[in-house]
Amino acid sequence: MAVPKKRQSKSRRNMRRAHDFVVPLKLQSCAQCQTMIPSHVVCPNCGYYHGRAMVPQEGE
């Protein structure tokens, strides 16, 4: 089994981990109810997606 000959420096270790951070979601407001939702997702509040009702609401 291969074993590293030298210890990796903190700089090299941190450069390798530079892409491991968590990116926050990009939110946009729903056209119907102005709730902040991720793009390309049906609104959980009103059930609309691109101006069309995708999920029927209770009472309709």
PDB file of N, CA and C in Angstrom:
ATOM      1  N   MET A   1       0.839  -1.180   0.000  1.00  0.00           N
ATOM      2  CA  MET A   1       0.000   0.000   0.000  1.00  0.00           C
ATOM      3  C   MET A   1       0.889   1.250   0.000  1.00  0.00           C
ATOM      4  N   ALA A   2       0.506   2.257  -0.774  1.00  0.00           N
ATOM      5  CA  ALA A   2       1.304   3.472  -0.871  1.00  0.00           C
ATOM      6  C   ALA A   2       1.176   4.305   0.400  1.00  0.00           C
ATOM      7  N   VAL A   3       2.298   4.809   0.856  1.00  0.00           N
ATOM      8  CA  VAL A   3       2.340   5.642   2.050  1.00  0.00           C
ATOM      9  C   VAL A   3       3.039   6.944   1.678  1.00  0.00           C
ATOM     10  N   PRO A   4       2.489   8.112   2.078  1.00  0.00           N
ATOM     11  CA  PRO A   4       3.146   9.370   1.744  1.00  0.00           C
ATOM     12  C   PRO A   4       4.515   9.472   2.413  1.00  0.00           C
ATOM     13  N   LYS A   5       5.480   9.952   1.653  1.00  0.00           N
ATOM     14  CA  LYS A   5       6.849  10.068   2.179  1.00  0.00           C
ATOM     15  C   LYS A   5       7.006  11.302   3.059  1.00  0.00           C
ATOM     16  N   LYS A   6       6.330  12.398   2.689  1.00  0.00           N
ATOM     17  CA  LYS A   6       6.422  13.650   3.437  1.00  0.00           C
ATOM     18  C   LYS A   6       5.031  14.111   3.858  1.00  0.00           C
ATOM     19  N   ARG A   7       5.005  14.861   4.933  1.00  0.00           N
ATOM     20  CA  ARG A   7       3.755  15.426   5.417  1.00  0.00           C
ATOM     21  C   ARG A   7       3.347  16.595   4.535  1.00  0.00           C
ATOM     22  N   GLN A   8       2.044  16.683   4.204  1.00  0.00           N
ATOM     23  CA  GLN A   8       1.572  17.812   3.391  1.00  0.00           C
ATOM     24  C   GLN A   8       1.467  19.058   4.264  1.00  0.00           C
ATOM     25  N   SER A   9       1.849  20.183   3.695  1.00  0.00           N
ATOM     26  CA  SER A   9       1.814  21.443   4.443  1.00  0.00           C
ATOM     27  C   SER A   9       0.369  21.896   4.649  1.00  0.00           C
ATOM     28  N   LYS A  10       0.181  22.793   5.599  1.00  0.00           N
ATOM     29  CA  LYS A  10      -1.161  23.344   5.860  1.00  0.00           C
ATOM     30  C   LYS A  10      -1.672  24.109   4.649  1.00  0.00           C
ATOM     31  N   SER A  11      -0.765  24.766   3.941  1.00  0.00           N
ATOM     32  CA  SER A  11      -1.149  25.527   2.754  1.00  0.00           C
ATOM     33  C   SER A  11      -1.702  24.598   1.672  1.00  0.00           C
ATOM     34  N   ARG A  12      -1.022  23.497   1.406  1.00  0.00           N
ATOM     35  CA  ARG A  12      -1.463  22.552   0.373  1.00  0.00           C
ATOM     36  C   ARG A  12      -2.788  21.892   0.780  1.00  0.00           C
ATOM     37  N   ARG A  13      -2.909  21.548   2.063  1.00  0.00           N
ATOM     38  CA  ARG A  13      -4.143  20.948   2.573  1.00  0.00           C
ATOM     39  C   ARG A  13      -5.318  21.915   2.400  1.00  0.00           C
ATOM     40  N   ASN A  14      -5.105  23.187   2.759  1.00  0.00           N
ATOM     41  CA  ASN A  14      -6.171  24.179   2.673  1.00  0.00           C
ATOM     42  C   ASN A  14      -6.529  24.509   1.230  1.00  0.00           C
ATOM     43  N   MET A  15      -5.556  24.479   0.326  1.00  0.00           N
ATOM     44  CA  MET A  15      -5.860  24.705  -1.089  1.00  0.00           C
ATOM     45  C   MET A  15      -6.721  23.571  -1.648  1.00  0.00           C
ATOM     46  N   ARG A  16      -6.475  22.354  -1.200  1.00  0.00           N
ATOM     47  CA  ARG A  16      -7.282  21.222  -1.641  1.00  0.00           C
ATOM     48  C   ARG A  16      -8.726  21.365  -1.142  1.00  0.00           C
ATOM     49  N   ARG A  17      -8.911  21.906   0.033  1.00  0.00           N
ATOM     50  CA  ARG A  17     -10.235  22.050   0.627  1.00  0.00           C
ATOM     51  C   ARG A  17     -10.958  23.332   0.219  1.00  0.00           C
ATOM     52  N   ALA A  18     -10.391  24.093  -0.692  1.00  0.00           N
ATOM     53  CA  ALA A  18     -10.958  25.391  -1.066  1.00  0.00           C
ATOM     54  C   ALA A  18     -12.335  25.268  -1.695  1.00  0.00           C
ATOM     55  N   HIS A  19     -12.666  24.119  -2.302  1.00  0.00           N
ATOM     56  CA  HIS A  19     -13.948  23.947  -2.985  1.00  0.00           C
ATOM     57  C   HIS A  19     -14.973  23.201  -2.139  1.00  0.00           C
ATOM     58  N   ASP A  20     -14.676  22.933  -0.883  1.00  0.00           N
ATOM     59  CA  ASP A  20     -15.565  22.142  -0.028  1.00  0.00           C
ATOM     60  C   ASP A  20     -16.567  22.982   0.748  1.00  0.00           C
ATOM     61  N   PHE A  21     -16.582  24.307   0.537  1.00  0.00           N
ATOM     62  CA  PHE A  21     -17.470  25.170   1.306  1.00  0.00           C
ATOM     63  C   PHE A  21     -18.920  25.010   0.839  1.00  0.00           C
ATOM     64  N   VAL A  22     -19.867  25.381   1.680  1.00  0.00           N
ATOM     65  CA  VAL A  22     -21.291  25.298   1.382  1.00  0.00           C
ATOM     66  C   VAL A  22     -21.739  26.609   0.756  1.00  0.00           C
ATOM     67  N   VAL A  23     -22.422  26.512  -0.375  1.00  0.00           N
ATOM     68  CA  VAL A  23     -22.902  27.697  -1.089  1.00  0.00           C
ATOM     69  C   VAL A  23     -24.347  27.968  -0.675  1.00  0.00           C
ATOM     70  N   PRO A  24     -24.703  29.202  -0.277  1.00  0.00           N
ATOM     71  CA  PRO A  24     -26.086  29.488   0.096  1.00  0.00           C
ATOM     72  C   PRO A  24     -27.007  29.425  -1.116  1.00  0.00           C
ATOM     73  N   LEU A  25     -28.271  29.064  -0.883  1.00  0.00           N
ATOM     74  CA  LEU A  25     -29.257  28.985  -1.960  1.00  0.00           C
ATOM     75  C   LEU A  25     -29.533  30.367  -2.527  1.00  0.00           C
ATOM     76  N   LYS A  26     -29.723  30.439  -3.833  1.00  0.00           N
ATOM     77  CA  LYS A  26     -30.115  31.687  -4.476  1.00  0.00           C
ATOM     78  C   LYS A  26     -31.639  31.715  -4.500  1.00  0.00           C
ATOM     79  N   LEU A  27     -32.212  32.651  -3.779  1.00  0.00           N
ATOM     80  CA  LEU A  27     -33.662  32.732  -3.654  1.00  0.00           C
ATOM     81  C   LEU A  27     -34.222  33.849  -4.527  1.00  0.00           C
ATOM     82  N   GLN A  28     -35.455  33.659  -4.971  1.00  0.00           N
ATOM     83  CA  GLN A  28     -36.165  34.703  -5.704  1.00  0.00           C
ATOM     84  C   GLN A  28     -37.592  34.718  -5.192  1.00  0.00           C
ATOM     85  N   SER A  29     -38.297  35.822  -5.416  1.00  0.00           N
ATOM     86  CA  SER A  29     -39.650  35.927  -4.891  1.00  0.00           C
ATOM     87  C   SER A  29     -40.648  35.298  -5.850  1.00  0.00           C
ATOM     88  N   CYS A  30     -41.672  34.674  -5.300  1.00  0.00           N
ATOM     89  CA  CYS A  30     -42.752  34.069  -6.074  1.00  0.00           C
ATOM     90  C   CYS A  30     -43.571  35.191  -6.710  1.00  0.00           C
ATOM     91  N   ALA A  31     -43.969  35.007  -7.967  1.00  0.00           N
ATOM     92  CA  ALA A  31     -44.728  36.039  -8.673  1.00  0.00           C
ATOM     93  C   ALA A  31     -46.131  36.208  -8.110  1.00  0.00           C
ATOM     94  N   GLN A  32     -46.688  35.166  -7.491  1.00  0.00           N
ATOM     95  CA  GLN A  32     -48.050  35.214  -6.970  1.00  0.00           C
ATOM     96  C   GLN A  32     -48.115  35.768  -5.546  1.00  0.00           C
ATOM     97  N   CYS A  33     -47.301  35.192  -4.639  1.00  0.00           N
ATOM     98  CA  CYS A  33     -47.445  35.535  -3.214  1.00  0.00           C
ATOM     99  C   CYS A  33     -46.220  36.231  -2.626  1.00  0.00           C
ATOM    100  N   GLN A  34     -45.167  36.459  -3.415  1.00  0.00           N
ATOM    101  CA  GLN A  34     -43.947  37.165  -3.004  1.00  0.00           C
ATOM    102  C   GLN A  34     -43.153  36.425  -1.925  1.00  0.00           C
ATOM    103  N   THR A  35     -43.367  35.120  -1.761  1.00  0.00           N
ATOM    104  CA  THR A  35     -42.575  34.325  -0.830  1.00  0.00           C
ATOM    105  C   THR A  35     -41.220  34.027  -1.461  1.00  0.00           C
ATOM    106  N   MET A  36     -40.157  34.054  -0.678  1.00  0.00           N
ATOM    107  CA  MET A  36     -38.830  33.752  -1.197  1.00  0.00           C
ATOM    108  C   MET A  36     -38.668  32.238  -1.348  1.00  0.00           C
ATOM    109  N   ILE A  37     -38.387  31.781  -2.600  1.00  0.00           N
ATOM    110  CA  ILE A  37     -38.234  30.360  -2.894  1.00  0.00           C
ATOM    111  C   ILE A  37     -37.024  30.177  -3.812  1.00  0.00           C
ATOM    112  N   PRO A  38     -36.428  28.965  -3.850  1.00  0.00           N
ATOM    113  CA  PRO A  38     -35.366  28.697  -4.824  1.00  0.00           C
ATOM    114  C   PRO A  38     -35.934  28.729  -6.239  1.00  0.00           C
ATOM    115  N   SER A  39     -35.105  29.031  -7.225  1.00  0.00           N
ATOM    116  CA  SER A  39     -35.586  29.065  -8.597  1.00  0.00           C
ATOM    117  C   SER A  39     -35.880  27.650  -9.083  1.00  0.00           C
ATOM    118  N   HIS A  40     -36.777  27.518 -10.062  1.00  0.00           N
ATOM    119  CA  HIS A  40     -37.187  26.253 -10.662  1.00  0.00           C
ATOM    120  C   HIS A  40     -37.850  25.317  -9.656  1.00  0.00           C
ATOM    121  N   VAL A  41     -38.596  25.876  -8.712  1.00  0.00           N
ATOM    122  CA  VAL A  41     -39.284  25.093  -7.691  1.00  0.00           C
ATOM    123  C   VAL A  41     -40.711  25.602  -7.574  1.00  0.00           C
ATOM    124  N   VAL A  42     -41.680  24.678  -7.416  1.00  0.00           N
ATOM    125  CA  VAL A  42     -43.067  25.073  -7.181  1.00  0.00           C
ATOM    126  C   VAL A  42     -43.142  25.729  -5.811  1.00  0.00           C
ATOM    127  N   CYS A  43     -43.853  26.838  -5.722  1.00  0.00           N
ATOM    128  CA  CYS A  43     -43.966  27.576  -4.461  1.00  0.00           C
ATOM    129  C   CYS A  43     -44.725  26.735  -3.437  1.00  0.00           C
ATOM    130  N   PRO A  44     -44.139  26.483  -2.264  1.00  0.00           N
ATOM    131  CA  PRO A  44     -44.842  25.696  -1.249  1.00  0.00           C
ATOM    132  C   PRO A  44     -45.993  26.464  -0.597  1.00  0.00           C
ATOM    133  N   ASN A  45     -45.998  27.789  -0.728  1.00  0.00           N
ATOM    134  CA  ASN A  45     -47.027  28.611  -0.099  1.00  0.00           C
ATOM    135  C   ASN A  45     -48.306  28.663  -0.934  1.00  0.00           C
ATOM    136  N   CYS A  46     -48.184  28.940  -2.237  1.00  0.00           N
ATOM    137  CA  CYS A  46     -49.371  29.100  -3.081  1.00  0.00           C
ATOM    138  C   CYS A  46     -49.526  28.002  -4.134  1.00  0.00           C
ATOM    139  N   GLY A  47     -48.474  27.214  -4.410  1.00  0.00           N
ATOM    140  CA  GLY A  47     -48.566  26.116  -5.359  1.00  0.00           C
ATOM    141  C   GLY A  47     -48.408  26.520  -6.812  1.00  0.00           C
ATOM    142  N   TYR A  48     -47.915  27.732  -7.074  1.00  0.00           N
ATOM    143  CA  TYR A  48     -47.754  28.206  -8.456  1.00  0.00           C
ATOM    144  C   TYR A  48     -46.323  28.005  -8.928  1.00  0.00           C
ATOM    145  N   TYR A  49     -46.170  27.806 -10.251  1.00  0.00           N
ATOM    146  CA  TYR A  49     -44.862  27.710 -10.897  1.00  0.00           C
ATOM    147  C   TYR A  49     -44.980  28.369 -12.255  1.00  0.00           C
ATOM    148  N   HIS A  50     -44.213  29.408 -12.496  1.00  0.00           N
ATOM    149  CA  HIS A  50     -44.248  30.188 -13.741  1.00  0.00           C
ATOM    150  C   HIS A  50     -45.661  30.657 -14.086  1.00  0.00           C
ATOM    151  N   GLY A  51     -46.415  31.122 -13.084  1.00  0.00           N
ATOM    152  CA  GLY A  51     -47.741  31.684 -13.321  1.00  0.00           C
ATOM    153  C   GLY A  51     -48.851  30.664 -13.484  1.00  0.00           C
ATOM    154  N   ARG A  52     -48.549  29.379 -13.334  1.00  0.00           N
ATOM    155  CA  ARG A  52     -49.571  28.339 -13.472  1.00  0.00           C
ATOM    156  C   ARG A  52     -49.729  27.589 -12.160  1.00  0.00           C
ATOM    157  N   ALA A  53     -50.970  27.237 -11.827  1.00  0.00           N
ATOM    158  CA  ALA A  53     -51.226  26.487 -10.597  1.00  0.00           C
ATOM    159  C   ALA A  53     -50.816  25.032 -10.806  1.00  0.00           C
ATOM    160  N   MET A  54     -49.834  24.564 -10.062  1.00  0.00           N
ATOM    161  CA  MET A  54     -49.362  23.182 -10.165  1.00  0.00           C
ATOM    162  C   MET A  54     -49.947  22.312  -9.077  1.00  0.00           C
ATOM    163  N   VAL A  55     -50.129  22.881  -7.895  1.00  0.00           N
ATOM    164  CA  VAL A  55     -50.656  22.134  -6.761  1.00  0.00           C
ATOM    165  C   VAL A  55     -51.994  22.762  -6.391  1.00  0.00           C
ATOM    166  N   PRO A  56     -53.078  22.000  -6.448  1.00  0.00           N
ATOM    167  CA  PRO A  56     -54.371  22.598  -6.072  1.00  0.00           C
ATOM    168  C   PRO A  56     -54.398  22.929  -4.577  1.00  0.00           C
ATOM    169  N   GLN A  57     -54.882  24.132  -4.278  1.00  0.00           N
ATOM    170  CA  GLN A  57     -54.953  24.585  -2.894  1.00  0.00           C
ATOM    171  C   GLN A  57     -56.257  24.104  -2.253  1.00  0.00           C
ATOM    172  N   GLU A  58     -56.244  23.995  -0.936  1.00  0.00           N
ATOM    173  CA  GLU A  58     -57.454  23.593  -0.198  1.00  0.00           C
ATOM    174  C   GLU A  58     -58.497  24.697  -0.319  1.00  0.00           C
ATOM    175  N   GLY A  59     -59.734  24.314  -0.591  1.00  0.00           N
ATOM    176  CA  GLY A  59     -60.816  25.274  -0.711  1.00  0.00           C
ATOM    177  C   GLY A  59     -61.080  25.685  -2.154  1.00  0.00           C
ATOM    178  N   GLU A  60     -60.307  25.192  -3.094  1.00  0.00           N
ATOM    179  CA  GLU A  60     -60.543  25.538  -4.502  1.00  0.00           C
ATOM    180  C   GLU A  60     -61.320  24.447  -5.174  1.00  0.00           C
TER     181      GLU A  60
END
